[in-house]
Amino acid sequence: GGLVNIFDKVPFSQLIIFIALSFASRNPEIPRQIRFNMQQAILIDIALIFPSVLGGVANNLPRFIVEPSTNFVFFCFAAAVGYSVVSNLSGKVPDQIPLISRTADEQIGPM
């Protein structure tokens, strides 16, 4: 689509959006639940950096180790996103993702 093309053509667009979300999640004028979700998305994005770095370093590992590992990372990511979507649609704060939710809560503060 058009938005994806713009996103791909703008240099450093991922970094720009990452920084924009980071600053916006600290804006007290935005409702707390939205700020919490933005911060949680940032932290999930950061958490996904580690498996990709390890995957690049572990190029020579046997396939029987790499495939289950990448599947595990994908299923954890899908579960976190699915849980967040279902929680938000039901009007609840998705605050049960281990480590990520607690850190997001600490980052945005009480207000």
C-alpha atoms as a PDB file:
ATOM      1  CA  GLY A   1       0.000   0.000   0.000  1.00  0.00           C
ATOM      2  CA  GLY A   2       0.828   3.663  -0.066  1.00  0.00           C
ATOM      3  CA  LEU A   3       1.790   3.975   3.590  1.00  0.00           C
ATOM      4  CA  VAL A   4       4.205   1.055   3.372  1.00  0.00           C
ATOM      5  CA  ASN A   5       5.848   2.582   0.283  1.00  0.00           C
ATOM      6  CA  ILE A   6       6.314   5.893   2.093  1.00  0.00           C
ATOM      7  CA  PHE A   7       7.666   4.054   5.129  1.00  0.00           C
ATOM      8  CA  ASP A   8      10.192   2.194   2.956  1.00  0.00           C
ATOM      9  CA  LYS A   9      11.285   5.275   0.999  1.00  0.00           C
ATOM     10  CA  VAL A  10      11.928   7.593   3.962  1.00  0.00           C
ATOM     11  CA  PRO A  11      15.453   7.067   5.271  1.00  0.00           C
ATOM     12  CA  PHE A  12      15.602   6.018   8.933  1.00  0.00           C
ATOM     13  CA  SER A  13      11.794   5.910   9.136  1.00  0.00           C
ATOM     14  CA  GLN A  14      11.852   3.059  11.658  1.00  0.00           C
ATOM     15  CA  LEU A  15      14.185   4.996  13.918  1.00  0.00           C
ATOM     16  CA  ILE A  16      12.091   8.157  13.559  1.00  0.00           C
ATOM     17  CA  ILE A  17       8.901   6.296  14.525  1.00  0.00           C
ATOM     18  CA  PHE A  18      10.697   4.570  17.401  1.00  0.00           C
ATOM     19  CA  ILE A  19      11.890   7.896  18.817  1.00  0.00           C
ATOM     20  CA  ALA A  20       8.495   9.537  18.246  1.00  0.00           C
ATOM     21  CA  LEU A  21       6.718   6.741  20.132  1.00  0.00           C
ATOM     22  CA  SER A  22       9.282   6.965  22.902  1.00  0.00           C
ATOM     23  CA  PHE A  23       8.696  10.687  23.400  1.00  0.00           C
ATOM     24  CA  ALA A  24       4.921  10.408  22.985  1.00  0.00           C
ATOM     25  CA  SER A  25       4.700   7.702  25.633  1.00  0.00           C
ATOM     26  CA  ARG A  26       5.990  10.227  28.169  1.00  0.00           C
ATOM     27  CA  ASN A  27       3.429  12.918  27.271  1.00  0.00           C
ATOM     28  CA  PRO A  28       0.985  13.198  30.199  1.00  0.00           C
ATOM     29  CA  GLU A  29      -1.682  14.730  27.932  1.00  0.00           C
ATOM     30  CA  ILE A  30      -2.124  11.361  26.203  1.00  0.00           C
ATOM     31  CA  PRO A  31      -4.312   8.889  28.151  1.00  0.00           C
ATOM     32  CA  ARG A  32      -2.299   6.521  30.360  1.00  0.00           C
ATOM     33  CA  GLN A  33      -3.489   3.318  28.667  1.00  0.00           C
ATOM     34  CA  ILE A  34      -2.371   4.567  25.250  1.00  0.00           C
ATOM     35  CA  ARG A  35       1.004   5.625  26.662  1.00  0.00           C
ATOM     36  CA  PHE A  36       1.335   2.223  28.342  1.00  0.00           C
ATOM     37  CA  ASN A  37       0.626   0.445  25.038  1.00  0.00           C
ATOM     38  CA  MET A  38       3.119   2.635  23.177  1.00  0.00           C
ATOM     39  CA  GLN A  39       5.826   1.954  25.753  1.00  0.00           C
ATOM     40  CA  GLN A  40       5.051  -1.762  25.722  1.00  0.00           C
ATOM     41  CA  ALA A  41       5.353  -1.815  21.909  1.00  0.00           C
ATOM     42  CA  ILE A  42       8.737  -0.085  22.177  1.00  0.00           C
ATOM     43  CA  LEU A  43       9.958  -2.618  24.729  1.00  0.00           C
ATOM     44  CA  ILE A  44       8.759  -5.564  22.640  1.00  0.00           C
ATOM     45  CA  ASP A  45      10.618  -4.071  19.672  1.00  0.00           C
ATOM     46  CA  ILE A  46      13.767  -3.791  21.783  1.00  0.00           C
ATOM     47  CA  ALA A  47      13.308  -7.360  23.044  1.00  0.00           C
ATOM     48  CA  LEU A  48      13.182  -8.586  19.435  1.00  0.00           C
ATOM     49  CA  ILE A  49      16.616  -7.097  18.744  1.00  0.00           C
ATOM     50  CA  PHE A  50      18.365  -9.708  20.887  1.00  0.00           C
ATOM     51  CA  PRO A  51      17.148 -12.801  18.999  1.00  0.00           C
ATOM     52  CA  SER A  52      18.025 -11.189  15.672  1.00  0.00           C
ATOM     53  CA  VAL A  53      21.541 -10.370  16.879  1.00  0.00           C
ATOM     54  CA  LEU A  54      21.972 -13.883  18.251  1.00  0.00           C
ATOM     55  CA  GLY A  55      20.643 -15.306  14.989  1.00  0.00           C
ATOM     56  CA  GLY A  56      23.248 -13.393  13.041  1.00  0.00           C
ATOM     57  CA  VAL A  57      26.035 -14.576  15.312  1.00  0.00           C
ATOM     58  CA  ALA A  58      24.828 -18.186  15.341  1.00  0.00           C
ATOM     59  CA  ASN A  59      24.833 -18.681  11.570  1.00  0.00           C
ATOM     60  CA  ASN A  60      26.667 -21.980  11.795  1.00  0.00           C
ATOM     61  CA  LEU A  61      24.383 -23.654  14.329  1.00  0.00           C
ATOM     62  CA  PRO A  62      22.587 -26.827  13.250  1.00  0.00           C
ATOM     63  CA  ARG A  63      19.121 -26.437  11.821  1.00  0.00           C
ATOM     64  CA  PHE A  64      17.521 -28.508  14.617  1.00  0.00           C
ATOM     65  CA  ILE A  65      18.548 -25.765  17.058  1.00  0.00           C
ATOM     66  CA  VAL A  66      17.819 -22.716  14.896  1.00  0.00           C
ATOM     67  CA  GLU A  67      14.301 -23.628  13.737  1.00  0.00           C
ATOM     68  CA  PRO A  68      12.772 -24.287  17.177  1.00  0.00           C
ATOM     69  CA  SER A  69      14.476 -21.166  18.502  1.00  0.00           C
ATOM     70  CA  THR A  70      13.071 -18.921  15.798  1.00  0.00           C
ATOM     71  CA  ASN A  71       9.648 -20.543  16.200  1.00  0.00           C
ATOM     72  CA  PHE A  72       9.786 -19.878  19.934  1.00  0.00           C
ATOM     73  CA  VAL A  73      10.615 -16.200  19.395  1.00  0.00           C
ATOM     74  CA  PHE A  74       7.811 -15.852  16.835  1.00  0.00           C
ATOM     75  CA  PHE A  75       5.219 -17.549  19.059  1.00  0.00           C
ATOM     76  CA  CYS A  76       6.209 -15.413  22.052  1.00  0.00           C
ATOM     77  CA  PHE A  77       5.885 -12.278  19.922  1.00  0.00           C
ATOM     78  CA  ALA A  78       2.538 -13.402  18.467  1.00  0.00           C
ATOM     79  CA  ALA A  79       1.234 -14.306  21.929  1.00  0.00           C
ATOM     80  CA  ALA A  80       2.255 -10.909  23.351  1.00  0.00           C
ATOM     81  CA  VAL A  81       0.625  -9.022  20.486  1.00  0.00           C
ATOM     82  CA  GLY A  82      -2.492 -11.220  20.556  1.00  0.00           C
ATOM     83  CA  TYR A  83      -2.838 -10.825  24.327  1.00  0.00           C
ATOM     84  CA  SER A  84      -2.443  -7.051  24.031  1.00  0.00           C
ATOM     85  CA  VAL A  85      -5.043  -6.764  21.272  1.00  0.00           C
ATOM     86  CA  VAL A  86      -7.600  -8.939  23.094  1.00  0.00           C
ATOM     87  CA  SER A  87      -7.016  -7.117  26.384  1.00  0.00           C
ATOM     88  CA  ASN A  88      -7.412  -3.709  24.779  1.00  0.00           C
ATOM     89  CA  LEU A  89     -10.543  -4.742  22.898  1.00  0.00           C
ATOM     90  CA  SER A  90     -12.080  -5.980  26.141  1.00  0.00           C
ATOM     91  CA  GLY A  91     -11.216  -2.708  27.895  1.00  0.00           C
ATOM     92  CA  LYS A  92      -8.448  -4.105  30.095  1.00  0.00           C
ATOM     93  CA  VAL A  93      -4.844  -2.983  30.382  1.00  0.00           C
ATOM     94  CA  PRO A  94      -2.528  -5.675  28.954  1.00  0.00           C
ATOM     95  CA  ASP A  95      -0.258  -5.704  31.995  1.00  0.00           C
ATOM     96  CA  GLN A  96       0.560  -9.412  32.284  1.00  0.00           C
ATOM     97  CA  ILE A  97       3.439  -9.770  29.792  1.00  0.00           C
ATOM     98  CA  PRO A  98       6.395 -10.865  31.942  1.00  0.00           C
ATOM     99  CA  LEU A  99       9.111  -8.228  32.373  1.00  0.00           C
ATOM    100  CA  ILE A 100       7.784  -6.080  29.492  1.00  0.00           C
ATOM    101  CA  SER A 101       4.595  -4.888  31.229  1.00  0.00           C
ATOM    102  CA  ARG A 102       6.285  -4.078  34.529  1.00  0.00           C
ATOM    103  CA  THR A 103       9.039  -2.151  32.760  1.00  0.00           C
ATOM    104  CA  ALA A 104       6.509  -0.263  30.615  1.00  0.00           C
ATOM    105  CA  ASP A 105       4.560   0.652  33.743  1.00  0.00           C
ATOM    106  CA  GLU A 106       7.708   1.952  35.430  1.00  0.00           C
ATOM    107  CA  GLN A 107       8.713   3.935  32.335  1.00  0.00           C
ATOM    108  CA  ILE A 108       5.454   5.887  31.986  1.00  0.00           C
ATOM    109  CA  GLY A 109       4.967   6.551  35.697  1.00  0.00           C
ATOM    110  CA  PRO A 110       1.802   6.723  37.776  1.00  0.00           C
ATOM    111  CA  MET A 111       0.006   9.483  35.873  1.00  0.00           C
END
